[in-house]
C-alpha atoms as a PDB file:
ATOM      1  CA  MET A   1      -2.806  -2.560  16.406  1.00  0.00           C
ATOM      2  CA  ILE A   2      -1.291  -4.479  19.338  1.00  0.00           C
ATOM      3  CA  ARG A   3      -0.773  -7.494  17.092  1.00  0.00           C
ATOM      4  CA  MET A   4       0.939  -5.311  14.504  1.00  0.00           C
ATOM      5  CA  VAL A   5       3.313  -3.809  17.052  1.00  0.00           C
ATOM      6  CA  GLY A   6       4.000  -7.268  18.488  1.00  0.00           C
ATOM      7  CA  ALA A   7       4.736  -8.720  15.043  1.00  0.00           C
ATOM      8  CA  PHE A   8       7.113  -5.846  14.254  1.00  0.00           C
ATOM      9  CA  LEU A   9       9.060  -6.108  17.516  1.00  0.00           C
ATOM     10  CA  LEU A  10       9.234  -9.907  17.424  1.00  0.00           C
ATOM     11  CA  ALA A  11      10.412  -9.978  13.812  1.00  0.00           C
ATOM     12  CA  ALA A  12      12.971  -7.212  14.448  1.00  0.00           C
ATOM     13  CA  GLY A  13      14.403  -9.093  17.436  1.00  0.00           C
ATOM     14  CA  LEU A  14      14.589 -12.354  15.512  1.00  0.00           C
ATOM     15  CA  ALA A  15      16.277 -10.721  12.519  1.00  0.00           C
ATOM     16  CA  HIS A  16      18.749  -8.957  14.794  1.00  0.00           C
ATOM     17  CA  TYR A  17      19.712 -12.346  16.236  1.00  0.00           C
ATOM     18  CA  LEU A  18      19.551 -14.481  13.084  1.00  0.00           C
ATOM     19  CA  THR A  19      21.378 -12.175  10.662  1.00  0.00           C
ATOM     20  CA  PRO A  20      24.868 -12.572  12.180  1.00  0.00           C
ATOM     21  CA  VAL A  21      24.245 -16.321  12.520  1.00  0.00           C
ATOM     22  CA  LEU A  22      23.437 -16.587   8.807  1.00  0.00           C
ATOM     23  CA  ARG A  23      26.392 -14.339   8.010  1.00  0.00           C
ATOM     24  CA  GLN A  24      28.795 -16.754   9.682  1.00  0.00           C
ATOM     25  CA  ALA A  25      27.163 -19.693   7.909  1.00  0.00           C
ATOM     26  CA  ALA A  26      27.563 -17.974   4.526  1.00  0.00           C
ATOM     27  CA  ILE A  27      31.245 -17.270   5.206  1.00  0.00           C
ATOM     28  CA  ARG A  28      31.851 -20.861   6.301  1.00  0.00           C
ATOM     29  CA  PHE A  29      30.319 -22.290   3.131  1.00  0.00           C
ATOM     30  CA  GLY A  30      31.753 -19.648   0.804  1.00  0.00           C
ATOM     31  CA  ILE A  31      28.387 -18.141  -0.159  1.00  0.00           C
ATOM     32  CA  VAL A  32      29.761 -14.685  -0.870  1.00  0.00           C
ATOM     33  CA  VAL A  33      29.628 -12.080  -3.628  1.00  0.00           C
ATOM     34  CA  ARG A  34      32.943 -10.870  -4.979  1.00  0.00           C
ATOM     35  CA  PRO A  35      33.707  -7.498  -6.624  1.00  0.00           C
ATOM     36  CA  ASP A  36      33.368  -7.566 -10.425  1.00  0.00           C
ATOM     37  CA  GLY A  37      34.488  -4.022 -11.277  1.00  0.00           C
ATOM     38  CA  ASN A  38      31.144  -3.331 -12.940  1.00  0.00           C
ATOM     39  CA  VAL A  39      28.075  -3.108 -10.687  1.00  0.00           C
ATOM     40  CA  LYS A  40      29.657  -4.866  -7.695  1.00  0.00           C
ATOM     41  CA  ASN A  41      32.337  -2.426  -6.547  1.00  0.00           C
ATOM     42  CA  HIS A  42      32.682  -3.329  -2.866  1.00  0.00           C
ATOM     43  CA  ARG A  43      36.224  -3.793  -1.583  1.00  0.00           C
ATOM     44  CA  ALA A  44      36.071  -7.377  -0.333  1.00  0.00           C
ATOM     45  CA  PRO A  45      33.775 -10.420  -0.639  1.00  0.00           C
ATOM     46  CA  VAL A  46      30.513  -9.997   1.304  1.00  0.00           C
ATOM     47  CA  PRO A  47      28.380 -12.974   2.416  1.00  0.00           C
ATOM     48  CA  TYR A  48      24.855 -13.603   1.158  1.00  0.00           C
ATOM     49  CA  LEU A  49      21.987 -15.362   3.016  1.00  0.00           C
ATOM     50  CA  GLY A  50      20.501 -12.157   4.439  1.00  0.00           C
ATOM     51  CA  GLY A  51      17.260 -13.141   2.757  1.00  0.00           C
ATOM     52  CA  ILE A  52      17.105 -16.356   4.795  1.00  0.00           C
ATOM     53  CA  ALA A  53      17.317 -14.339   8.023  1.00  0.00           C
ATOM     54  CA  ILE A  54      14.505 -12.059   6.844  1.00  0.00           C
ATOM     55  CA  TYR A  55      12.287 -14.951   5.757  1.00  0.00           C
ATOM     56  CA  LEU A  56      12.761 -16.904   8.990  1.00  0.00           C
ATOM     57  CA  SER A  57      12.126 -13.811  11.117  1.00  0.00           C
ATOM     58  CA  PHE A  58       9.001 -13.007   9.119  1.00  0.00           C
ATOM     59  CA  LEU A  59       7.687 -16.580   9.304  1.00  0.00           C
ATOM     60  CA  LEU A  60       8.360 -17.082  13.011  1.00  0.00           C
ATOM     61  CA  SER A  61       6.825 -13.748  13.973  1.00  0.00           C
ATOM     62  CA  LEU A  62       3.656 -14.583  12.051  1.00  0.00           C
ATOM     63  CA  ALA A  63       3.402 -18.000  13.708  1.00  0.00           C
ATOM     64  CA  LEU A  64       2.549 -16.168  16.930  1.00  0.00           C
ATOM     65  CA  THR A  65       0.474 -13.291  15.575  1.00  0.00           C
ATOM     66  CA  VAL A  66      -1.792 -14.370  12.684  1.00  0.00           C
ATOM     67  CA  GLU A  67      -4.173 -17.174  11.807  1.00  0.00           C
ATOM     68  CA  PHE A  68      -2.945 -19.248   8.885  1.00  0.00           C
ATOM     69  CA  ARG A  69      -5.937 -18.898   6.587  1.00  0.00           C
ATOM     70  CA  ARG A  70      -5.883 -19.743   2.877  1.00  0.00           C
ATOM     71  CA  GLU A  71      -4.531 -16.412   1.667  1.00  0.00           C
ATOM     72  CA  VAL A  72      -1.885 -16.247   4.393  1.00  0.00           C
ATOM     73  CA  LEU A  73      -0.737 -19.790   3.621  1.00  0.00           C
ATOM     74  CA  GLY A  74      -0.603 -18.909  -0.069  1.00  0.00           C
ATOM     75  CA  ILE A  75       1.586 -15.894   0.681  1.00  0.00           C
ATOM     76  CA  LEU A  76       3.943 -17.945   2.860  1.00  0.00           C
ATOM     77  CA  LEU A  77       4.154 -20.795   0.321  1.00  0.00           C
ATOM     78  CA  ALA A  78       4.888 -18.416  -2.536  1.00  0.00           C
ATOM     79  CA  GLY A  79       7.493 -16.742  -0.324  1.00  0.00           C
ATOM     80  CA  ALA A  80       9.134 -20.102   0.348  1.00  0.00           C
ATOM     81  CA  ILE A  81       9.270 -20.810  -3.396  1.00  0.00           C
ATOM     82  CA  VAL A  82      11.133 -17.585  -4.202  1.00  0.00           C
ATOM     83  CA  VAL A  83      13.426 -18.006  -1.189  1.00  0.00           C
ATOM     84  CA  ILE A  84      14.491 -21.430  -2.458  1.00  0.00           C
ATOM     85  CA  LEU A  85      14.725 -20.071  -5.995  1.00  0.00           C
ATOM     86  CA  GLY A  86      16.859 -17.150  -4.868  1.00  0.00           C
ATOM     87  CA  LEU A  87      19.128 -19.358  -2.774  1.00  0.00           C
ATOM     88  CA  ILE A  88      19.852 -21.609  -5.754  1.00  0.00           C
ATOM     89  CA  ASP A  89      20.481 -18.530  -7.877  1.00  0.00           C
ATOM     90  CA  ASP A  90      22.852 -17.099  -5.255  1.00  0.00           C
ATOM     91  CA  LEU A  91      24.815 -20.326  -5.569  1.00  0.00           C
ATOM     92  CA  GLY A  92      25.138 -19.602  -9.297  1.00  0.00           C
ATOM     93  CA  ALA A  93      23.116 -22.554 -10.532  1.00  0.00           C
ATOM     94  CA  LEU A  94      20.170 -20.906 -12.327  1.00  0.00           C
ATOM     95  CA  SER A  95      19.792 -19.535 -15.844  1.00  0.00           C
ATOM     96  CA  PRO A  96      17.655 -16.403 -16.335  1.00  0.00           C
ATOM     97  CA  ALA A  97      14.923 -18.498 -18.000  1.00  0.00           C
ATOM     98  CA  VAL A  98      14.682 -20.933 -15.089  1.00  0.00           C
ATOM     99  CA  LYS A  99      14.731 -18.049 -12.620  1.00  0.00           C
ATOM    100  CA  LEU A 100      11.818 -16.424 -14.454  1.00  0.00           C
ATOM    101  CA  ALA A 101       9.929 -19.726 -14.571  1.00  0.00           C
ATOM    102  CA  GLY A 102      10.312 -20.091 -10.808  1.00  0.00           C
ATOM    103  CA  GLN A 103       8.903 -16.613 -10.279  1.00  0.00           C
ATOM    104  CA  VAL A 104       5.923 -17.511 -12.455  1.00  0.00           C
ATOM    105  CA  VAL A 105       5.244 -20.597 -10.309  1.00  0.00           C
ATOM    106  CA  ALA A 106       5.341 -18.483  -7.132  1.00  0.00           C
ATOM    107  CA  ILE A 107       3.008 -15.873  -8.638  1.00  0.00           C
ATOM    108  CA  LEU A 108       0.532 -18.507  -9.816  1.00  0.00           C
ATOM    109  CA  THR A 109       0.619 -19.961  -6.302  1.00  0.00           C
ATOM    110  CA  LEU A 110      -0.440 -16.586  -4.928  1.00  0.00           C
ATOM    111  CA  MET A 111      -3.187 -16.225  -7.480  1.00  0.00           C
ATOM    112  CA  LYS A 112      -4.487 -19.736  -6.751  1.00  0.00           C
ATOM    113  CA  ALA A 113      -4.803 -18.661  -3.106  1.00  0.00           C
ATOM    114  CA  SER A 114      -6.950 -15.692  -4.254  1.00  0.00           C
ATOM    115  CA  VAL A 115      -4.188 -13.135  -3.690  1.00  0.00           C
ATOM    116  CA  THR A 116      -5.113 -10.931  -6.627  1.00  0.00           C
ATOM    117  CA  ILE A 117      -6.181  -7.374  -7.373  1.00  0.00           C
ATOM    118  CA  LYS A 118      -9.688  -6.981  -6.003  1.00  0.00           C
ATOM    119  CA  LEU A 119     -11.006  -3.751  -7.496  1.00  0.00           C
ATOM    120  CA  THR A 120     -14.735  -3.983  -8.103  1.00  0.00           C
ATOM    121  CA  PHE A 121     -14.594  -1.805 -11.211  1.00  0.00           C
ATOM    122  CA  LEU A 122     -12.134  -4.196 -12.919  1.00  0.00           C
ATOM    123  CA  PRO A 123     -13.567  -7.232 -14.737  1.00  0.00           C
ATOM    124  CA  PRO A 124     -11.946 -10.577 -13.756  1.00  0.00           C
ATOM    125  CA  GLY A 125     -10.611 -10.930 -17.279  1.00  0.00           C
ATOM    126  CA  LEU A 126      -8.478  -7.839 -16.667  1.00  0.00           C
ATOM    127  CA  ALA A 127      -7.795  -8.137 -12.921  1.00  0.00           C
ATOM    128  CA  LEU A 128      -6.050 -11.515 -13.217  1.00  0.00           C
ATOM    129  CA  PRO A 129      -3.486 -10.572 -15.904  1.00  0.00           C
ATOM    130  CA  LEU A 130      -2.893  -7.237 -14.147  1.00  0.00           C
ATOM    131  CA  SER A 131      -2.230  -9.111 -10.901  1.00  0.00           C
ATOM    132  CA  PHE A 132       0.283 -11.349 -12.662  1.00  0.00           C
ATOM    133  CA  LEU A 133       2.106  -8.441 -14.315  1.00  0.00           C
ATOM    134  CA  TRP A 134       2.120  -6.411 -11.083  1.00  0.00           C
ATOM    135  CA  LEU A 135       3.647  -9.236  -9.051  1.00  0.00           C
ATOM    136  CA  LEU A 136       6.232 -10.012 -11.722  1.00  0.00           C
ATOM    137  CA  ALA A 137       7.183  -6.327 -12.006  1.00  0.00           C
ATOM    138  CA  ILE A 138       7.555  -5.672  -8.269  1.00  0.00           C
ATOM    139  CA  THR A 139       9.481  -8.907  -7.680  1.00  0.00           C
ATOM    140  CA  ASN A 140      12.024  -8.017 -10.350  1.00  0.00           C
ATOM    141  CA  ALA A 141      12.094  -4.322  -9.449  1.00  0.00           C
ATOM    142  CA  PHE A 142      13.439  -5.137  -5.981  1.00  0.00           C
ATOM    143  CA  ASN A 143      15.809  -7.696  -7.463  1.00  0.00           C
ATOM    144  CA  LEU A 144      17.204  -5.021  -9.792  1.00  0.00           C
ATOM    145  CA  ILE A 145      17.517  -2.259  -7.205  1.00  0.00           C
ATOM    146  CA  ASP A 146      19.520  -4.408  -4.785  1.00  0.00           C
ATOM    147  CA  ILE A 147      22.801  -2.870  -5.949  1.00  0.00           C
ATOM    148  CA  MET A 148      23.953  -0.737  -3.022  1.00  0.00           C
ATOM    149  CA  ASP A 149      24.432  -1.237   0.712  1.00  0.00           C
ATOM    150  CA  GLY A 150      21.122  -0.802   2.517  1.00  0.00           C
ATOM    151  CA  LEU A 151      19.215   0.364  -0.562  1.00  0.00           C
ATOM    152  CA  ALA A 152      16.654  -2.380  -1.273  1.00  0.00           C
ATOM    153  CA  SER A 153      16.193  -3.330   2.375  1.00  0.00           C
ATOM    154  CA  GLY A 154      15.705   0.286   3.515  1.00  0.00           C
ATOM    155  CA  VAL A 155      13.329   1.189   0.690  1.00  0.00           C
ATOM    156  CA  GLY A 156      11.442  -2.048   1.400  1.00  0.00           C
ATOM    157  CA  LEU A 157      11.231  -1.171   5.104  1.00  0.00           C
ATOM    158  CA  ILE A 158       9.764   2.275   4.390  1.00  0.00           C
ATOM    159  CA  SER A 159       7.314   0.859   1.847  1.00  0.00           C
ATOM    160  CA  ALA A 160       6.175  -1.855   4.270  1.00  0.00           C
ATOM    161  CA  LEU A 161       5.627   0.708   7.042  1.00  0.00           C
ATOM    162  CA  VAL A 162       3.578   2.976   4.748  1.00  0.00           C
ATOM    163  CA  LEU A 163       1.473   0.031   3.579  1.00  0.00           C
ATOM    164  CA  ALA A 164       1.030  -1.117   7.192  1.00  0.00           C
ATOM    165  CA  PHE A 165      -0.141   2.380   8.135  1.00  0.00           C
ATOM    166  CA  VAL A 166      -2.682   2.266   5.304  1.00  0.00           C
ATOM    167  CA  ALA A 167      -3.869  -1.185   6.425  1.00  0.00           C
ATOM    168  CA  ALA A 168      -4.257  -0.038  10.040  1.00  0.00           C
ATOM    169  CA  GLY A 169      -6.222   3.034   8.967  1.00  0.00           C
ATOM    170  CA  SER A 170      -8.625   0.959   6.883  1.00  0.00           C
ATOM    171  CA  GLY A 171      -9.170  -1.740   9.514  1.00  0.00           C
ATOM    172  CA  ARG A 172      -7.283  -4.496   7.657  1.00  0.00           C
ATOM    173  CA  GLU A 173      -5.437  -5.791  10.695  1.00  0.00           C
ATOM    174  CA  GLU A 174      -4.350  -9.113   9.201  1.00  0.00           C
ATOM    175  CA  VAL A 175      -2.677  -7.464   6.204  1.00  0.00           C
ATOM    176  CA  GLY A 176      -1.219  -4.849   8.546  1.00  0.00           C
ATOM    177  CA  THR A 177       0.234  -7.565  10.791  1.00  0.00           C
ATOM    178  CA  LEU A 178       1.877  -9.290   7.821  1.00  0.00           C
ATOM    179  CA  LEU A 179       3.356  -5.976   6.705  1.00  0.00           C
ATOM    180  CA  ALA A 180       4.490  -5.145  10.236  1.00  0.00           C
ATOM    181  CA  GLY A 181       6.244  -8.512  10.464  1.00  0.00           C
ATOM    182  CA  LEU A 182       7.980  -7.869   7.149  1.00  0.00           C
ATOM    183  CA  ALA A 183       8.987  -4.365   8.251  1.00  0.00           C
ATOM    184  CA  GLY A 184      10.353  -5.683  11.538  1.00  0.00           C
ATOM    185  CA  SER A 185      12.425  -8.323   9.733  1.00  0.00           C
ATOM    186  CA  LEU A 186      13.919  -5.622   7.520  1.00  0.00           C
ATOM    187  CA  ALA A 187      14.548  -3.296  10.467  1.00  0.00           C
ATOM    188  CA  GLY A 188      16.497  -5.982  12.331  1.00  0.00           C
ATOM    189  CA  PHE A 189      18.453  -6.849   9.188  1.00  0.00           C
ATOM    190  CA  LEU A 190      19.216  -3.279   8.055  1.00  0.00           C
ATOM    191  CA  ARG A 191      21.712  -2.700  10.856  1.00  0.00           C
ATOM    192  CA  TYR A 192      23.992  -5.274   9.207  1.00  0.00           C
ATOM    193  CA  ASN A 193      23.178  -4.263   5.624  1.00  0.00           C
ATOM    194  CA  PHE A 194      23.773  -0.503   5.828  1.00  0.00           C
ATOM    195  CA  GLU A 195      27.123   0.775   4.544  1.00  0.00           C
ATOM    196  CA  PRO A 196      29.542  -0.831   5.014  1.00  0.00           C
ATOM    197  CA  ALA A 197      27.375  -3.916   4.539  1.00  0.00           C
ATOM    198  CA  ARG A 198      28.403  -7.024   6.461  1.00  0.00           C
ATOM    199  CA  ILE A 199      25.820  -9.175   4.686  1.00  0.00           C
ATOM    200  CA  TYR A 200      23.695  -8.857   1.553  1.00  0.00           C
ATOM    201  CA  LEU A 201      20.106  -9.742   0.775  1.00  0.00           C
ATOM    202  CA  GLY A 202      21.125 -11.756  -2.253  1.00  0.00           C
ATOM    203  CA  ASP A 203      18.496 -12.871  -4.745  1.00  0.00           C
ATOM    204  CA  THR A 204      17.032 -14.873  -1.860  1.00  0.00           C
ATOM    205  CA  GLY A 205      16.069 -11.689  -0.049  1.00  0.00           C
ATOM    206  CA  SER A 206      15.358  -9.305  -2.921  1.00  0.00           C
ATOM    207  CA  LEU A 207      12.984 -11.704  -4.696  1.00  0.00           C
ATOM    208  CA  PHE A 208      11.205 -12.504  -1.431  1.00  0.00           C
ATOM    209  CA  LEU A 209      10.915  -8.830  -0.495  1.00  0.00           C
ATOM    210  CA  GLY A 210       9.524  -7.829  -3.873  1.00  0.00           C
ATOM    211  CA  LEU A 211       6.981 -10.649  -4.012  1.00  0.00           C
ATOM    212  CA  MET A 212       5.741 -10.030  -0.451  1.00  0.00           C
ATOM    213  CA  LEU A 213       5.336  -6.281  -0.933  1.00  0.00           C
ATOM    214  CA  GLY A 214       3.620  -6.794  -4.271  1.00  0.00           C
ATOM    215  CA  ALA A 215       1.188  -9.338  -2.824  1.00  0.00           C
ATOM    216  CA  LEU A 216       0.393  -7.407   0.353  1.00  0.00           C
ATOM    217  CA  ALA A 217       0.023  -4.112  -1.515  1.00  0.00           C
ATOM    218  CA  MET A 218      -2.686  -5.740  -3.659  1.00  0.00           C
ATOM    219  CA  ASN A 219      -4.611  -6.892  -0.596  1.00  0.00           C
ATOM    220  CA  ASN A 220      -4.779  -3.449   1.016  1.00  0.00           C
ATOM    221  CA  SER A 221      -7.548  -0.827   0.849  1.00  0.00           C
ATOM    222  CA  TYR A 222      -7.146   2.504  -0.959  1.00  0.00           C
ATOM    223  CA  THR A 223     -10.365   3.634  -2.650  1.00  0.00           C
ATOM    224  CA  SER A 224     -12.746   4.724   0.123  1.00  0.00           C
ATOM    225  CA  ARG A 225     -12.606   8.365  -1.091  1.00  0.00           C
ATOM    226  CA  ASN A 226     -11.867   8.060  -4.823  1.00  0.00           C
ATOM    227  CA  LEU A 227     -11.015   5.430  -7.429  1.00  0.00           C
ATOM    228  CA  VAL A 228      -7.864   7.250  -8.570  1.00  0.00           C
ATOM    229  CA  ALA A 229      -6.231   6.154  -5.305  1.00  0.00           C
ATOM    230  CA  SER A 230      -6.284   2.580  -6.607  1.00  0.00           C
ATOM    231  CA  VAL A 231      -2.854   3.345  -8.105  1.00  0.00           C
ATOM    232  CA  SER A 232      -1.445   4.239  -4.676  1.00  0.00           C
ATOM    233  CA  PRO A 233       0.629   1.009  -4.494  1.00  0.00           C
ATOM    234  CA  VAL A 234       2.435   2.103  -7.669  1.00  0.00           C
ATOM    235  CA  VAL A 235       3.315   5.406  -5.985  1.00  0.00           C
ATOM    236  CA  ILE A 236       4.320   3.806  -2.658  1.00  0.00           C
ATOM    237  CA  LEU A 237       6.647   1.387  -4.468  1.00  0.00           C
ATOM    238  CA  GLY A 238       7.693   4.070  -6.921  1.00  0.00           C
ATOM    239  CA  VAL A 239      11.434   4.020  -6.190  1.00  0.00           C
ATOM    240  CA  PRO A 240      12.121   0.418  -7.319  1.00  0.00           C
ATOM    241  CA  LEU A 241       9.581   0.728 -10.148  1.00  0.00           C
ATOM    242  CA  PHE A 242      11.246   3.921 -11.396  1.00  0.00           C
ATOM    243  CA  ASP A 243      14.649   2.252 -11.371  1.00  0.00           C
ATOM    244  CA  MET A 244      13.360  -0.818 -13.219  1.00  0.00           C
ATOM    245  CA  LEU A 245      11.682   1.220 -15.961  1.00  0.00           C
ATOM    246  CA  PHE A 246      14.656   3.589 -16.213  1.00  0.00           C
ATOM    247  CA  VAL A 247      17.147   0.718 -16.569  1.00  0.00           C
ATOM    248  CA  MET A 248      14.958  -1.091 -19.096  1.00  0.00           C
ATOM    249  CA  PHE A 249      14.683   2.059 -21.202  1.00  0.00           C
ATOM    250  CA  ILE A 250      18.423   2.788 -21.128  1.00  0.00           C
ATOM    251  CA  ARG A 251      19.344  -0.791 -22.004  1.00  0.00           C
ATOM    252  CA  TRP A 252      16.747  -0.874 -24.789  1.00  0.00           C
ATOM    253  CA  ARG A 253      18.137   2.348 -26.270  1.00  0.00           C
ATOM    254  CA  ARG A 254      21.657   0.880 -26.140  1.00  0.00           C
ATOM    255  CA  GLY A 255      20.592  -2.446 -27.639  1.00  0.00           C
ATOM    256  CA  ILE A 256      21.569  -4.359 -24.493  1.00  0.00           C
ATOM    257  CA  PRO A 257      19.538  -7.309 -23.129  1.00  0.00           C
ATOM    258  CA  VAL A 258      17.298  -6.073 -20.321  1.00  0.00           C
ATOM    259  CA  MET A 259      18.468  -8.749 -17.876  1.00  0.00           C
ATOM    260  CA  ARG A 260      22.197  -8.076 -18.372  1.00  0.00           C
ATOM    261  CA  GLY A 261      23.814  -6.292 -15.411  1.00  0.00           C
ATOM    262  CA  THR A 262      24.994  -2.794 -16.312  1.00  0.00           C
ATOM    263  CA  PRO A 263      25.746   0.325 -14.204  1.00  0.00           C
ATOM    264  CA  ASP A 264      22.690   2.167 -15.520  1.00  0.00           C
ATOM    265  CA  HIS A 265      20.643   2.219 -12.315  1.00  0.00           C
ATOM    266  CA  PHE A 266      19.635   5.639 -11.031  1.00  0.00           C
ATOM    267  CA  PRO A 267      21.441   5.174  -7.653  1.00  0.00           C
ATOM    268  CA  LEU A 268      24.696   4.443  -9.485  1.00  0.00           C
ATOM    269  CA  ARG A 269      24.166   7.534 -11.620  1.00  0.00           C
ATOM    270  CA  LEU A 270      23.586   9.658  -8.518  1.00  0.00           C
ATOM    271  CA  ARG A 271      26.816   8.318  -7.054  1.00  0.00           C
ATOM    272  CA  LYS A 272      28.624   8.984 -10.324  1.00  0.00           C
ATOM    273  CA  TRP A 273      27.240  12.521 -10.283  1.00  0.00           C
ATOM    274  CA  ARG A 274      28.504  13.654  -6.881  1.00  0.00           C
ATOM    275  CA  LEU A 275      26.778  11.807  -4.019  1.00  0.00           C
ATOM    276  CA  THR A 276      28.385   9.264  -1.711  1.00  0.00           C
ATOM    277  CA  THR A 277      26.827   5.838  -1.242  1.00  0.00           C
ATOM    278  CA  ARG A 278      25.223   6.882   2.047  1.00  0.00           C
ATOM    279  CA  GLN A 279      23.885  10.099   0.541  1.00  0.00           C
ATOM    280  CA  THR A 280      22.456   8.191  -2.423  1.00  0.00           C
ATOM    281  CA  VAL A 281      20.752   5.666  -0.156  1.00  0.00           C
ATOM    282  CA  ALA A 282      19.455   8.446   2.102  1.00  0.00           C
ATOM    283  CA  ALA A 283      18.050  10.274  -0.950  1.00  0.00           C
ATOM    284  CA  SER A 284      16.279   7.054  -2.000  1.00  0.00           C
ATOM    285  CA  TYR A 285      14.842   6.697   1.511  1.00  0.00           C
ATOM    286  CA  ALA A 286      13.638  10.296   1.400  1.00  0.00           C
ATOM    287  CA  ALA A 287      12.019   9.694  -1.985  1.00  0.00           C
ATOM    288  CA  SER A 288      10.226   6.622  -0.596  1.00  0.00           C
ATOM    289  CA  VAL A 289       8.915   8.607   2.374  1.00  0.00           C
ATOM    290  CA  LEU A 290       7.780  11.434   0.082  1.00  0.00           C
ATOM    291  CA  LEU A 291       6.034   9.035  -2.305  1.00  0.00           C
ATOM    292  CA  GLY A 292       4.360   7.326   0.634  1.00  0.00           C
ATOM    293  CA  GLY A 293       3.054  10.706   1.756  1.00  0.00           C
ATOM    294  CA  VAL A 294       1.781  11.491  -1.731  1.00  0.00           C
ATOM    295  CA  ALA A 295       0.001   8.131  -1.910  1.00  0.00           C
ATOM    296  CA  ILE A 296      -1.687   8.660   1.465  1.00  0.00           C
ATOM    297  CA  ALA A 297      -2.722  12.164   0.414  1.00  0.00           C
ATOM    298  CA  MET A 298      -4.254  10.706  -2.763  1.00  0.00           C
ATOM    299  CA  MET A 299      -6.426   8.444  -0.594  1.00  0.00           C
ATOM    300  CA  LEU A 300      -7.741  11.345   1.494  1.00  0.00           C
ATOM    301  CA  VAL A 301      -8.743  13.850  -1.188  1.00  0.00           C
ATOM    302  CA  ASP A 302     -11.293  13.926  -3.989  1.00  0.00           C
ATOM    303  CA  ALA A 303     -10.621  12.502  -7.447  1.00  0.00           C
ATOM    304  CA  LYS A 304      -9.573  15.798  -9.090  1.00  0.00           C
ATOM    305  CA  VAL A 305      -6.923  16.550  -6.485  1.00  0.00           C
ATOM    306  CA  ALA A 306      -5.731  12.941  -6.593  1.00  0.00           C
ATOM    307  CA  ILE A 307      -5.313  13.185 -10.370  1.00  0.00           C
ATOM    308  CA  GLY A 308      -3.292  16.372  -9.884  1.00  0.00           C
ATOM    309  CA  LEU A 309      -1.017  14.699  -7.331  1.00  0.00           C
ATOM    310  CA  LEU A 310      -0.523  11.702  -9.604  1.00  0.00           C
ATOM    311  CA  ALA A 311       0.187  13.858 -12.648  1.00  0.00           C
ATOM    312  CA  GLY A 312       2.661  15.985 -10.699  1.00  0.00           C
ATOM    313  CA  THR A 313       4.481  12.907  -9.418  1.00  0.00           C
ATOM    314  CA  GLY A 314       4.677  11.492 -12.941  1.00  0.00           C
ATOM    315  CA  ALA A 315       6.041  14.766 -14.314  1.00  0.00           C
ATOM    316  CA  VAL A 316       8.767  14.892 -11.651  1.00  0.00           C
ATOM    317  CA  ALA A 317       9.705  11.275 -12.408  1.00  0.00           C
ATOM    318  CA  LEU A 318       9.994  11.987 -16.140  1.00  0.00           C
ATOM    319  CA  ALA A 319      12.109  15.102 -15.540  1.00  0.00           C
ATOM    320  CA  LEU A 320      14.380  13.208 -13.160  1.00  0.00           C
ATOM    321  CA  GLY A 321      14.762  10.355 -15.644  1.00  0.00           C
ATOM    322  CA  PHE A 322      15.673  12.809 -18.407  1.00  0.00           C
ATOM    323  CA  TYR A 323      18.308  14.447 -16.217  1.00  0.00           C
ATOM    324  CA  LEU A 324      19.807  11.159 -14.992  1.00  0.00           C
ATOM    325  CA  LYS A 325      20.039   9.855 -18.537  1.00  0.00           C
ATOM    326  CA  LYS A 326      22.501  12.623 -19.372  1.00  0.00           C
ATOM    327  CA  ILE A 327      25.006  11.521 -16.726  1.00  0.00           C
ATOM    328  CA  ASP A 328      27.972   9.919 -18.486  1.00  0.00           C
ATOM    329  CA  MET A 329      28.638   6.475 -16.960  1.00  0.00           C
ATOM    330  CA  THR A 330      31.599   5.666 -19.200  1.00  0.00           C
ATOM    331  CA  LEU A 331      34.160   7.898 -17.463  1.00  0.00           C
END
């Protein structure tokens, strides 16, 4: 626990220092995102490179708190791959196909380092493809939800803290320390990313955040009471997953390519409805906290109650998706 607290505080301090440094560097070299009148509706250009500050803070904090074993090195190497990939993409030099190929390389790197789903009731022939799909989904879910000041970074912070709490409770201190370092990096960064954002994650940060949370969620422990709790990571990371599935469904129904940017995300629909940006982000934070609580409850009860909690959560998600779909985004 001391190592986890130390990793969090060290990473938070480093991110607090490095974020404004990277912000100035992005401004100097013109690495900024400009309003496009579609999804990007901020008033003035905002610098990228927030992801670099998070990655460096995470890496440096771990250098003093964890042993670099095979799995840890695999996680850090895969993280470096997506950071480089995201940086090139932020500079506007990557096609969607190349971006996807880079993500595949990073995911295969993780899997080669044995960072996979390790559920004893799953045969290897199923666990490996599920691990690949899970990592690809979470990586892109955070990339897609990074559309509003403080949204992806704050949801990622809450998710990392919940997962760290689970790791601490199950005696997985190494995984907990990695998660604490990630949470600290996000906490130090969020001060500059909350509305009005002075710096953005960019693809550098959102891809890194998604891949790290996906990998570390797989290496946690959930099933000491019942096997239903094995889906707890899906619940904990439910906010970005809900947005990804919701956007994919809406775009599919409209005959639009899934990877094309459109204002169909649930946070944009909430803002269109009647909420301000801060209220929308706060509602997303509250949903993440609630889902984290549901996931922890699923781990502490018997299988029947866990099934009930999961079914109730799914029903609420479907009802919310149905309601959000009716909001007219063309006005």
